[in-house]
N, C-alpha and C. Protein backbone atom coordinates (compact mmCIF):
# COMPACT_ATOMS: atom_id res chain seq x y z
N MET A 1 0.82 -1.21 -0.01
CA MET A 1 -0.01 0.00 0.01
C MET A 1 0.86 1.24 0.01
N LEU A 2 2.06 1.10 0.54
CA LEU A 2 2.98 2.28 0.55
C LEU A 2 3.25 2.68 -0.90
N ARG A 3 3.40 1.67 -1.76
CA ARG A 3 3.66 1.94 -3.17
C ARG A 3 2.49 2.71 -3.77
N THR A 4 1.27 2.34 -3.35
CA THR A 4 0.11 3.03 -3.88
C THR A 4 0.06 4.47 -3.41
N ALA A 5 0.42 4.66 -2.16
CA ALA A 5 0.47 6.04 -1.60
C ALA A 5 1.44 6.89 -2.33
N LEU A 6 2.63 6.34 -2.55
CA LEU A 6 3.65 7.11 -3.23
C LEU A 6 3.27 7.42 -4.68
N ALA A 7 2.60 6.46 -5.34
CA ALA A 7 2.11 6.71 -6.71
C ALA A 7 1.07 7.82 -6.71
N SER A 8 0.20 7.81 -5.70
CA SER A 8 -0.79 8.85 -5.60
C SER A 8 -0.14 10.21 -5.40
N ALA A 9 0.94 10.22 -4.64
CA ALA A 9 1.64 11.45 -4.39
C ALA A 9 2.22 12.01 -5.67
N VAL A 10 2.71 11.12 -6.56
CA VAL A 10 3.21 11.55 -7.84
C VAL A 10 2.13 12.20 -8.69
N VAL A 11 0.93 11.60 -8.64
CA VAL A 11 -0.19 12.13 -9.37
C VAL A 11 -0.56 13.52 -8.79
N LEU A 12 -0.50 13.65 -7.48
CA LEU A 12 -0.81 14.91 -6.84
C LEU A 12 0.21 15.97 -7.29
N ALA A 13 1.46 15.61 -7.32
CA ALA A 13 2.49 16.54 -7.75
C ALA A 13 2.26 17.01 -9.18
N ALA A 14 1.88 16.04 -10.03
CA ALA A 14 1.66 16.38 -11.46
C ALA A 14 0.50 17.33 -11.61
N ALA A 15 -0.45 17.26 -10.70
CA ALA A 15 -1.67 18.09 -10.83
C ALA A 15 -1.43 19.52 -10.36
N ILE A 16 -0.32 19.76 -9.58
CA ILE A 16 -0.05 21.10 -9.05
C ILE A 16 0.47 21.96 -10.20
N PRO A 17 0.00 23.22 -10.33
CA PRO A 17 0.46 24.06 -11.44
C PRO A 17 1.99 24.21 -11.41
N ALA A 18 2.55 24.34 -12.62
CA ALA A 18 3.96 24.56 -12.75
C ALA A 18 4.19 25.74 -13.68
N SER A 19 5.35 26.34 -13.58
CA SER A 19 5.66 27.44 -14.48
C SER A 19 7.19 27.63 -14.58
N ALA A 20 7.60 28.25 -15.65
CA ALA A 20 9.00 28.60 -15.85
C ALA A 20 9.07 30.07 -16.18
N SER A 21 9.96 30.79 -15.52
CA SER A 21 10.01 32.21 -15.73
C SER A 21 11.44 32.69 -16.04
N ILE A 22 11.55 33.91 -16.45
CA ILE A 22 12.86 34.51 -16.65
C ILE A 22 13.48 34.71 -15.29
N ILE A 23 14.67 34.22 -15.10
CA ILE A 23 15.32 34.36 -13.80
C ILE A 23 16.60 35.19 -13.84
N GLY A 24 17.03 35.63 -15.02
CA GLY A 24 18.19 36.46 -15.07
C GLY A 24 18.49 36.98 -16.47
N THR A 25 19.14 38.15 -16.55
CA THR A 25 19.54 38.70 -17.86
C THR A 25 20.94 39.29 -17.68
N THR A 26 21.65 39.37 -18.82
CA THR A 26 22.99 40.05 -18.83
C THR A 26 23.07 40.92 -20.05
N GLY A 27 24.07 41.77 -20.10
CA GLY A 27 24.28 42.61 -21.28
C GLY A 27 23.16 43.60 -21.48
N SER A 28 22.67 43.66 -22.70
CA SER A 28 21.66 44.65 -23.08
C SER A 28 20.23 44.18 -22.86
N ALA A 29 20.05 43.05 -22.19
CA ALA A 29 18.70 42.55 -21.96
C ALA A 29 18.15 43.12 -20.66
N GLN A 30 16.88 43.51 -20.64
CA GLN A 30 16.20 44.06 -19.48
C GLN A 30 14.87 43.41 -19.33
N GLN A 31 14.63 42.77 -18.19
CA GLN A 31 13.32 42.14 -17.93
C GLN A 31 12.31 43.22 -17.51
N ILE A 32 11.10 43.08 -18.06
CA ILE A 32 10.01 44.01 -17.70
C ILE A 32 8.73 43.22 -17.53
N ALA A 33 7.72 43.89 -16.94
CA ALA A 33 6.39 43.29 -16.91
C ALA A 33 5.80 43.31 -18.32
N ALA A 34 4.91 42.40 -18.60
CA ALA A 34 4.26 42.36 -19.94
C ALA A 34 3.68 43.76 -20.25
N PRO A 35 4.06 44.37 -21.37
CA PRO A 35 3.62 45.70 -21.71
C PRO A 35 2.24 45.72 -22.36
N PRO A 36 1.59 46.89 -22.43
CA PRO A 36 0.31 46.94 -23.13
C PRO A 36 0.42 46.64 -24.62
N SER A 37 1.60 46.96 -25.21
CA SER A 37 1.73 46.74 -26.67
C SER A 37 3.20 46.53 -26.99
N CYS A 38 3.43 45.72 -28.01
CA CYS A 38 4.80 45.56 -28.56
C CYS A 38 4.77 45.81 -30.06
N PHE A 39 3.79 46.61 -30.50
CA PHE A 39 3.74 47.07 -31.88
C PHE A 39 4.97 47.88 -32.22
N PRO A 40 5.36 47.97 -33.47
CA PRO A 40 6.48 48.81 -33.83
C PRO A 40 6.28 50.25 -33.31
N GLY A 41 7.27 50.76 -32.63
CA GLY A 41 7.21 52.12 -32.05
C GLY A 41 6.65 52.21 -30.66
N ALA A 42 6.08 51.14 -30.15
CA ALA A 42 5.51 51.17 -28.83
C ALA A 42 6.49 51.02 -27.71
N LEU A 43 7.63 50.39 -28.03
CA LEU A 43 8.66 50.16 -26.98
C LEU A 43 10.05 50.55 -27.49
N ILE A 44 10.18 51.77 -27.99
CA ILE A 44 11.48 52.25 -28.45
C ILE A 44 12.41 52.32 -27.26
N ASN A 45 13.51 51.58 -27.33
CA ASN A 45 14.43 51.55 -26.20
C ASN A 45 15.80 50.99 -26.64
N PRO A 46 16.88 51.55 -26.14
CA PRO A 46 18.18 51.03 -26.53
C PRO A 46 18.51 49.65 -25.90
N LEU A 47 17.67 49.18 -25.02
CA LEU A 47 17.81 47.86 -24.37
C LEU A 47 16.81 46.91 -24.96
N VAL A 48 17.18 45.64 -24.95
CA VAL A 48 16.27 44.60 -25.42
C VAL A 48 15.33 44.25 -24.25
N GLN A 49 14.02 44.36 -24.53
CA GLN A 49 13.00 44.12 -23.50
C GLN A 49 12.57 42.66 -23.51
N VAL A 50 12.49 42.05 -22.35
CA VAL A 50 12.10 40.64 -22.24
C VAL A 50 11.02 40.50 -21.20
N TRP A 51 10.06 39.61 -21.42
CA TRP A 51 8.99 39.41 -20.45
C TRP A 51 8.41 38.02 -20.56
N ASP A 52 7.77 37.56 -19.50
CA ASP A 52 7.11 36.25 -19.50
C ASP A 52 5.73 36.39 -20.08
N GLU A 53 5.33 35.33 -20.79
CA GLU A 53 3.99 35.27 -21.42
C GLU A 53 3.17 34.20 -20.64
N GLN A 54 2.41 33.44 -21.38
CA GLN A 54 1.54 32.45 -20.71
C GLN A 54 2.34 31.25 -20.20
N GLN A 55 1.89 30.70 -19.10
CA GLN A 55 2.57 29.60 -18.47
C GLN A 55 1.69 28.34 -18.47
N GLY A 56 2.33 27.18 -18.65
CA GLY A 56 1.58 25.94 -18.61
C GLY A 56 0.55 25.79 -19.71
N ARG A 57 0.89 26.26 -20.89
CA ARG A 57 -0.05 26.25 -22.01
C ARG A 57 0.20 25.00 -22.87
N PRO A 58 -0.87 24.22 -23.17
CA PRO A 58 -0.72 23.06 -24.04
C PRO A 58 -0.30 23.50 -25.46
N SER A 59 0.64 22.81 -26.04
CA SER A 59 1.12 23.11 -27.36
C SER A 59 0.93 21.89 -28.23
N SER A 60 0.33 22.08 -29.38
CA SER A 60 0.12 20.98 -30.32
C SER A 60 0.75 21.37 -31.68
N ALA A 61 1.90 20.77 -31.95
CA ALA A 61 2.60 21.01 -33.23
C ALA A 61 2.81 22.48 -33.53
N THR A 62 3.44 23.19 -32.54
CA THR A 62 3.76 24.60 -32.70
C THR A 62 5.06 24.74 -33.49
N LEU A 63 5.03 25.49 -34.57
CA LEU A 63 6.18 25.67 -35.45
C LEU A 63 7.22 26.56 -34.81
N CYS A 64 8.49 26.15 -34.87
CA CYS A 64 9.56 26.96 -34.36
C CYS A 64 10.74 26.92 -35.32
N ASP A 65 11.62 27.89 -35.24
CA ASP A 65 12.80 27.98 -36.07
C ASP A 65 13.98 27.20 -35.45
N MET A 66 13.99 27.08 -34.12
CA MET A 66 15.07 26.37 -33.40
C MET A 66 14.39 25.31 -32.52
N THR A 67 14.73 24.06 -32.73
CA THR A 67 14.16 22.97 -31.92
C THR A 67 15.21 22.05 -31.34
N VAL A 68 16.48 22.39 -31.54
CA VAL A 68 17.59 21.61 -31.01
C VAL A 68 18.31 22.39 -29.97
N ASN A 69 18.47 21.84 -28.79
CA ASN A 69 19.20 22.49 -27.69
C ASN A 69 20.37 21.57 -27.32
N ALA A 70 21.61 21.98 -27.58
CA ALA A 70 22.08 23.32 -27.86
C ALA A 70 22.21 23.51 -29.36
N SER A 71 22.12 24.80 -29.77
CA SER A 71 22.30 25.12 -31.20
C SER A 71 22.49 26.64 -31.32
N ILE A 72 22.95 27.06 -32.49
CA ILE A 72 23.19 28.49 -32.74
C ILE A 72 22.77 28.73 -34.18
N VAL A 73 22.10 29.88 -34.36
CA VAL A 73 21.71 30.37 -35.72
C VAL A 73 22.44 31.67 -35.95
N THR A 74 23.10 31.78 -37.09
CA THR A 74 23.83 32.99 -37.43
C THR A 74 23.21 33.69 -38.61
N THR A 75 23.89 34.78 -39.06
CA THR A 75 23.35 35.62 -40.13
C THR A 75 22.87 34.82 -41.35
N GLY A 76 21.68 35.13 -41.80
CA GLY A 76 21.10 34.42 -42.92
C GLY A 76 20.34 33.20 -42.52
N GLY A 77 20.24 32.93 -41.25
CA GLY A 77 19.52 31.75 -40.80
C GLY A 77 20.34 30.46 -40.83
N VAL A 78 21.65 30.59 -40.95
CA VAL A 78 22.51 29.44 -40.98
C VAL A 78 22.48 28.72 -39.62
N GLY A 79 22.20 27.46 -39.65
CA GLY A 79 22.13 26.67 -38.40
C GLY A 79 20.77 26.49 -37.84
N ALA A 80 19.74 27.03 -38.49
CA ALA A 80 18.36 26.85 -38.02
C ALA A 80 17.97 25.40 -38.02
N THR A 81 17.12 25.03 -37.06
CA THR A 81 16.62 23.66 -36.96
C THR A 81 15.11 23.69 -36.86
N PRO A 82 14.40 24.10 -37.98
CA PRO A 82 12.97 24.23 -37.91
C PRO A 82 12.22 22.93 -37.65
N GLY A 83 11.16 23.02 -36.94
CA GLY A 83 10.37 21.84 -36.62
C GLY A 83 9.20 22.23 -35.74
N VAL A 84 8.59 21.26 -35.08
CA VAL A 84 7.46 21.51 -34.24
C VAL A 84 7.74 21.08 -32.79
N ILE A 85 7.12 21.73 -31.85
CA ILE A 85 7.17 21.31 -30.46
C ILE A 85 5.78 21.00 -29.98
N SER A 86 5.68 20.07 -29.06
CA SER A 86 4.36 19.67 -28.53
C SER A 86 4.47 19.54 -27.03
N GLY A 87 3.33 19.43 -26.38
CA GLY A 87 3.28 19.25 -24.95
C GLY A 87 3.02 20.56 -24.22
N VAL A 88 3.09 20.54 -22.92
CA VAL A 88 2.83 21.74 -22.10
C VAL A 88 4.13 22.59 -22.10
N VAL A 89 3.97 23.88 -22.38
CA VAL A 89 5.13 24.74 -22.43
C VAL A 89 4.84 26.10 -21.76
N ASP A 90 5.90 26.78 -21.41
CA ASP A 90 5.79 28.17 -20.97
C ASP A 90 6.38 29.04 -22.02
N SER A 91 5.82 30.25 -22.18
CA SER A 91 6.22 31.16 -23.26
C SER A 91 6.79 32.45 -22.70
N HIS A 92 7.77 32.99 -23.47
CA HIS A 92 8.48 34.21 -23.09
C HIS A 92 8.78 35.00 -24.34
N PHE A 93 8.97 36.31 -24.23
CA PHE A 93 9.13 37.17 -25.42
C PHE A 93 10.34 38.04 -25.28
N ILE A 94 11.02 38.24 -26.42
CA ILE A 94 12.19 39.09 -26.51
C ILE A 94 11.92 40.14 -27.59
N HIS A 95 12.16 41.43 -27.29
CA HIS A 95 11.77 42.49 -28.19
C HIS A 95 12.84 43.59 -28.19
N TYR A 96 13.29 44.00 -29.36
CA TYR A 96 14.24 45.06 -29.51
C TYR A 96 13.82 45.96 -30.62
N ASP A 97 13.49 47.22 -30.29
CA ASP A 97 13.04 48.21 -31.28
C ASP A 97 13.77 49.52 -31.05
N PHE A 98 14.86 49.70 -31.80
CA PHE A 98 15.67 50.91 -31.70
C PHE A 98 16.30 51.16 -33.04
N PRO A 99 15.49 51.59 -34.05
CA PRO A 99 15.94 51.71 -35.43
C PRO A 99 17.25 52.55 -35.53
N GLY A 100 18.20 52.02 -36.27
CA GLY A 100 19.42 52.76 -36.46
C GLY A 100 20.39 52.69 -35.27
N GLY A 101 19.97 51.96 -34.25
CA GLY A 101 20.81 51.86 -33.05
C GLY A 101 21.98 50.89 -33.26
N PRO A 102 22.76 50.74 -32.20
CA PRO A 102 23.92 49.89 -32.31
C PRO A 102 23.56 48.44 -32.17
N ALA A 103 24.50 47.56 -32.53
CA ALA A 103 24.31 46.11 -32.26
C ALA A 103 24.30 45.91 -30.77
N VAL A 104 23.47 44.99 -30.33
CA VAL A 104 23.36 44.69 -28.89
C VAL A 104 23.53 43.20 -28.69
N SER A 105 24.02 42.85 -27.52
CA SER A 105 24.17 41.45 -27.17
C SER A 105 23.86 41.23 -25.71
N GLY A 106 23.58 39.99 -25.37
CA GLY A 106 23.28 39.70 -23.98
C GLY A 106 22.74 38.27 -23.86
N THR A 107 22.26 37.96 -22.67
CA THR A 107 21.69 36.62 -22.43
C THR A 107 20.41 36.75 -21.63
N VAL A 108 19.55 35.76 -21.83
CA VAL A 108 18.32 35.65 -21.01
C VAL A 108 18.26 34.24 -20.48
N THR A 109 18.15 34.09 -19.17
CA THR A 109 18.14 32.77 -18.55
C THR A 109 16.76 32.47 -17.96
N PHE A 110 16.30 31.26 -18.18
CA PHE A 110 14.96 30.85 -17.70
C PHE A 110 15.08 29.77 -16.67
N SER A 111 14.04 29.60 -15.88
CA SER A 111 14.07 28.55 -14.86
C SER A 111 13.85 27.17 -15.49
N GLY A 112 13.33 27.11 -16.73
CA GLY A 112 13.08 25.86 -17.39
C GLY A 112 13.96 25.76 -18.61
N THR A 113 14.18 24.51 -19.12
CA THR A 113 14.97 24.27 -20.31
C THR A 113 14.26 24.74 -21.55
N ILE A 114 14.99 25.33 -22.47
CA ILE A 114 14.45 25.84 -23.68
C ILE A 114 14.17 24.66 -24.64
N VAL A 115 12.92 24.65 -25.16
CA VAL A 115 12.56 23.56 -26.10
C VAL A 115 12.30 24.07 -27.51
N GLY A 116 12.11 25.39 -27.67
CA GLY A 116 11.86 25.92 -29.02
C GLY A 116 12.01 27.43 -29.04
N VAL A 117 12.37 27.93 -30.22
CA VAL A 117 12.50 29.38 -30.42
C VAL A 117 11.86 29.74 -31.77
N ALA A 118 11.01 30.70 -31.75
CA ALA A 118 10.38 31.22 -33.03
C ALA A 118 10.85 32.60 -33.25
N TYR A 119 11.38 32.87 -34.47
CA TYR A 119 11.85 34.23 -34.76
C TYR A 119 11.40 34.73 -36.15
N GLN A 120 10.90 33.86 -36.99
CA GLN A 120 10.39 34.37 -38.28
C GLN A 120 8.99 34.92 -38.06
N ASP A 121 8.65 35.92 -38.85
CA ASP A 121 7.36 36.61 -38.68
C ASP A 121 6.18 35.64 -38.75
N GLN A 122 6.20 34.68 -39.68
CA GLN A 122 5.04 33.79 -39.78
C GLN A 122 4.94 32.86 -38.59
N PHE A 123 6.04 32.45 -38.06
CA PHE A 123 5.96 31.58 -36.85
C PHE A 123 5.56 32.35 -35.59
N LEU A 124 5.99 33.61 -35.56
CA LEU A 124 5.53 34.48 -34.45
C LEU A 124 4.01 34.70 -34.55
N ASP A 125 3.52 34.96 -35.79
CA ASP A 125 2.10 35.17 -35.98
C ASP A 125 1.34 33.94 -35.50
N LEU A 126 1.77 32.77 -35.88
CA LEU A 126 1.07 31.56 -35.55
C LEU A 126 1.09 31.25 -34.02
N SER A 127 2.09 31.77 -33.33
CA SER A 127 2.22 31.49 -31.92
C SER A 127 1.81 32.68 -31.03
N ASP A 128 1.20 33.69 -31.58
CA ASP A 128 0.78 34.82 -30.77
C ASP A 128 -0.31 34.43 -29.77
N GLY A 129 -0.96 33.28 -29.94
CA GLY A 129 -1.90 32.81 -28.94
C GLY A 129 -1.26 32.51 -27.62
N PHE A 130 0.04 32.37 -27.60
CA PHE A 130 0.79 32.16 -26.34
C PHE A 130 1.18 33.48 -25.66
N GLY A 131 0.81 34.58 -26.32
CA GLY A 131 1.22 35.92 -25.80
C GLY A 131 0.63 36.24 -24.44
N ALA A 132 1.23 37.21 -23.78
CA ALA A 132 0.78 37.66 -22.47
C ALA A 132 -0.61 38.28 -22.60
N PHE A 133 -1.49 37.95 -21.66
CA PHE A 133 -2.80 38.56 -21.64
C PHE A 133 -2.69 40.11 -21.39
N GLY A 134 -3.36 40.85 -22.22
CA GLY A 134 -3.32 42.30 -22.08
C GLY A 134 -2.26 42.95 -22.94
N THR A 135 -1.44 42.20 -23.64
CA THR A 135 -0.43 42.75 -24.54
C THR A 135 -0.87 42.59 -25.99
N ALA A 136 -0.81 43.69 -26.72
CA ALA A 136 -1.14 43.69 -28.14
C ALA A 136 0.09 43.33 -28.94
N TYR A 137 -0.03 42.32 -29.81
CA TYR A 137 1.10 41.87 -30.63
C TYR A 137 0.85 42.27 -32.09
N PRO A 138 1.92 42.57 -32.82
CA PRO A 138 1.73 43.00 -34.22
C PRO A 138 1.58 41.87 -35.18
N THR A 139 0.61 41.01 -34.97
CA THR A 139 0.32 39.89 -35.84
C THR A 139 0.08 40.40 -37.26
N GLY A 140 0.80 39.82 -38.24
CA GLY A 140 0.62 40.23 -39.59
C GLY A 140 1.65 41.19 -40.10
N PHE A 141 2.46 41.78 -39.24
CA PHE A 141 3.54 42.67 -39.67
C PHE A 141 4.66 41.79 -40.23
N THR A 142 4.96 41.95 -41.53
CA THR A 142 5.96 41.06 -42.16
C THR A 142 7.41 41.37 -41.77
N THR A 143 7.61 42.46 -41.10
CA THR A 143 9.02 42.81 -40.66
C THR A 143 9.20 42.68 -39.17
N ARG A 144 8.32 41.95 -38.49
CA ARG A 144 8.40 41.97 -37.05
C ARG A 144 9.44 41.01 -36.47
N GLY A 145 9.81 39.97 -37.18
CA GLY A 145 10.71 38.96 -36.59
C GLY A 145 12.15 39.37 -36.61
N TRP A 146 13.02 38.52 -36.10
CA TRP A 146 14.44 38.74 -36.16
C TRP A 146 14.88 38.86 -37.59
N ASN A 147 15.69 39.89 -37.92
CA ASN A 147 16.14 40.11 -39.28
C ASN A 147 17.27 39.14 -39.73
N GLN A 148 17.61 38.24 -38.83
CA GLN A 148 18.60 37.19 -39.16
C GLN A 148 19.95 37.80 -39.50
N VAL A 149 20.28 38.90 -38.82
CA VAL A 149 21.62 39.48 -38.88
C VAL A 149 22.14 39.44 -37.46
N GLY A 150 23.26 38.76 -37.26
CA GLY A 150 23.78 38.58 -35.88
C GLY A 150 23.71 37.09 -35.55
N SER A 151 23.20 36.79 -34.35
CA SER A 151 23.10 35.39 -33.99
C SER A 151 22.14 35.23 -32.80
N ILE A 152 21.60 33.99 -32.70
CA ILE A 152 20.83 33.55 -31.57
C ILE A 152 21.33 32.15 -31.21
N ALA A 153 21.67 31.93 -29.96
CA ALA A 153 22.17 30.65 -29.52
C ALA A 153 21.38 30.22 -28.28
N ILE A 154 21.12 28.90 -28.18
CA ILE A 154 20.45 28.35 -26.95
C ILE A 154 21.30 27.21 -26.44
N SER A 155 21.40 27.15 -25.10
CA SER A 155 22.12 26.10 -24.44
C SER A 155 21.49 25.91 -23.06
N GLY A 156 20.85 24.77 -22.90
CA GLY A 156 20.19 24.50 -21.59
C GLY A 156 19.03 25.44 -21.40
N ASN A 157 19.14 26.28 -20.40
CA ASN A 157 18.03 27.23 -20.08
C ASN A 157 18.45 28.70 -20.36
N THR A 158 19.47 28.89 -21.20
CA THR A 158 19.95 30.19 -21.53
C THR A 158 19.95 30.47 -22.99
N LEU A 159 19.42 31.64 -23.37
CA LEU A 159 19.47 32.11 -24.76
C LEU A 159 20.42 33.29 -24.82
N SER A 160 21.34 33.23 -25.78
CA SER A 160 22.29 34.33 -26.04
C SER A 160 21.93 35.00 -27.37
N PHE A 161 21.97 36.29 -27.43
CA PHE A 161 21.60 37.00 -28.66
C PHE A 161 22.67 38.05 -29.03
N ASN A 162 22.68 38.30 -30.37
CA ASN A 162 23.42 39.46 -30.90
C ASN A 162 22.55 40.02 -32.00
N PHE A 163 21.92 41.13 -31.75
CA PHE A 163 21.01 41.74 -32.71
C PHE A 163 21.68 42.99 -33.37
N VAL A 164 21.49 43.08 -34.69
CA VAL A 164 22.02 44.20 -35.43
C VAL A 164 20.79 44.84 -36.09
N PRO A 165 20.31 45.98 -35.58
CA PRO A 165 19.11 46.54 -36.14
C PRO A 165 19.31 47.13 -37.55
N ASN A 166 18.24 47.24 -38.31
CA ASN A 166 18.32 47.88 -39.60
C ASN A 166 18.44 49.39 -39.48
N ALA A 167 18.61 50.05 -40.59
CA ALA A 167 18.83 51.48 -40.60
C ALA A 167 17.63 52.26 -40.02
N ALA A 168 17.91 53.42 -39.54
CA ALA A 168 16.84 54.29 -38.94
C ALA A 168 15.78 54.56 -40.04
N GLY A 169 14.53 54.62 -39.58
CA GLY A 169 13.45 54.88 -40.49
C GLY A 169 12.71 53.66 -40.98
N LEU A 170 13.31 52.50 -40.77
CA LEU A 170 12.67 51.24 -41.17
C LEU A 170 11.86 50.67 -39.99
N ILE A 171 10.71 50.14 -40.29
CA ILE A 171 9.87 49.44 -39.26
C ILE A 171 10.34 48.02 -39.17
N ASP A 172 11.17 47.73 -38.18
CA ASP A 172 11.73 46.44 -38.11
C ASP A 172 12.15 46.04 -36.67
N PRO A 173 11.14 45.85 -35.79
CA PRO A 173 11.46 45.38 -34.45
C PRO A 173 11.98 43.98 -34.48
N GLU A 174 13.02 43.70 -33.71
CA GLU A 174 13.52 42.33 -33.62
C GLU A 174 12.66 41.63 -32.53
N GLN A 175 11.99 40.58 -32.91
CA GLN A 175 11.12 39.86 -31.95
C GLN A 175 11.38 38.37 -32.01
N VAL A 176 11.41 37.76 -30.81
CA VAL A 176 11.71 36.37 -30.66
C VAL A 176 10.81 35.79 -29.60
N ARG A 177 10.20 34.65 -29.80
CA ARG A 177 9.44 33.97 -28.78
C ARG A 177 10.20 32.70 -28.34
N VAL A 178 10.27 32.49 -27.03
CA VAL A 178 11.01 31.36 -26.48
C VAL A 178 10.07 30.47 -25.71
N PHE A 179 10.13 29.17 -25.98
CA PHE A 179 9.32 28.21 -25.27
C PHE A 179 10.19 27.36 -24.32
N THR A 180 9.78 27.20 -23.11
CA THR A 180 10.53 26.41 -22.14
C THR A 180 9.67 25.35 -21.50
N GLN A 181 10.31 24.37 -20.92
CA GLN A 181 9.61 23.34 -20.19
C GLN A 181 9.18 23.90 -18.82
N PRO A 182 7.95 23.63 -18.40
CA PRO A 182 7.51 24.02 -17.07
C PRO A 182 8.33 23.31 -15.99
N VAL A 183 8.53 23.99 -14.92
CA VAL A 183 9.19 23.40 -13.74
C VAL A 183 8.26 23.45 -12.56
N PRO A 184 8.38 22.52 -11.61
CA PRO A 184 7.52 22.51 -10.47
C PRO A 184 7.59 23.84 -9.69
N THR A 185 6.48 24.36 -9.27
CA THR A 185 6.51 25.57 -8.46
C THR A 185 7.00 25.25 -7.05
N PRO A 186 7.55 26.22 -6.32
CA PRO A 186 8.01 25.95 -4.98
C PRO A 186 6.91 25.34 -4.10
N GLY A 187 7.27 24.34 -3.39
CA GLY A 187 6.31 23.67 -2.48
C GLY A 187 5.67 22.46 -3.09
N THR A 188 5.88 22.19 -4.36
CA THR A 188 5.26 21.05 -4.98
C THR A 188 5.74 19.73 -4.28
N ALA A 189 7.06 19.60 -4.09
CA ALA A 189 7.58 18.41 -3.45
C ALA A 189 6.97 18.25 -2.03
N ALA A 190 6.88 19.39 -1.31
CA ALA A 190 6.37 19.29 0.08
C ALA A 190 4.94 18.86 0.06
N LEU A 191 4.12 19.44 -0.86
CA LEU A 191 2.73 19.06 -0.93
C LEU A 191 2.53 17.60 -1.33
N ALA A 192 3.42 17.15 -2.23
CA ALA A 192 3.33 15.70 -2.62
C ALA A 192 3.66 14.83 -1.41
N GLY A 193 4.63 15.26 -0.63
CA GLY A 193 4.99 14.49 0.53
C GLY A 193 3.88 14.43 1.55
N LEU A 194 3.20 15.57 1.75
CA LEU A 194 2.09 15.61 2.66
C LEU A 194 0.97 14.71 2.15
N GLY A 195 0.77 14.71 0.85
CA GLY A 195 -0.28 13.83 0.28
C GLY A 195 0.03 12.39 0.54
N ALA A 196 1.30 12.01 0.40
CA ALA A 196 1.68 10.63 0.64
C ALA A 196 1.47 10.24 2.12
N LEU A 197 1.82 11.15 3.04
CA LEU A 197 1.66 10.87 4.48
C LEU A 197 0.18 10.71 4.81
N ALA A 198 -0.64 11.55 4.22
CA ALA A 198 -2.05 11.48 4.52
C ALA A 198 -2.65 10.16 4.03
N LEU A 199 -2.20 9.70 2.87
CA LEU A 199 -2.68 8.45 2.34
C LEU A 199 -2.23 7.28 3.23
N ILE A 200 -0.97 7.34 3.64
CA ILE A 200 -0.45 6.26 4.50
C ILE A 200 -1.22 6.20 5.83
N ARG A 201 -1.45 7.35 6.44
CA ARG A 201 -2.22 7.40 7.69
C ARG A 201 -3.62 6.88 7.50
N ARG A 202 -4.25 7.26 6.41
CA ARG A 202 -5.63 6.78 6.14
C ARG A 202 -5.65 5.28 5.99
N HIS A 203 -4.62 4.73 5.33
CA HIS A 203 -4.58 3.26 5.18
C HIS A 203 -4.39 2.58 6.49
N ARG A 204 -3.54 3.13 7.36
CA ARG A 204 -3.27 2.50 8.66
C ARG A 204 -4.53 2.51 9.53
N ARG A 205 -5.30 3.60 9.50
CA ARG A 205 -6.51 3.72 10.29
C ARG A 205 -7.56 2.78 9.81
N SER A 206 -7.55 2.40 8.51
CA SER A 206 -8.61 1.51 8.01
C SER A 206 -8.36 0.05 8.35
N LYS A 207 -7.16 -0.21 8.89
CA LYS A 207 -6.84 -1.62 9.25
C LYS A 207 -7.61 -2.07 10.50
């Protein structure tokens, strides 16, 4: 019966909500709360803005440009590993809109492992359903994605970027969506343990 109790505890743990969030940035990356809009011109800033989107969202064959961890994509899309991701994922967004500005680089680290990255405009359009509630996304803007000048690399739970913006006057925000694996929220293990103890005690009392 102990085995049954422990199995039930595992089920309990699986039922507890999980999430993965941005836990650190370096270089030109700056974490912010989800903004009202990330349309071109809405977030003009010399820093790359990053924020968390929806957490624990089921994904069914979501198209991504990068699906191999670790990997790197350089200018012209060299090294891309397009494919689909499935299962429950957490979503995060990277946005840089500073026309004519300098090249910027940095890293974004998440609490969960990266499973997919979308940077082409059509893949971003298709995945805008993962966007943060209350944020307006420029779905349909053909120049919204990463211009594929510079590089994007993923390794474990960290994404490294080097963005080179186009000339001033062009509408060309660099936008990237990152999907990560959910991780147990704090206290999940403790709650699972309490569930196991409760089941064991209930079994003993029934004898």
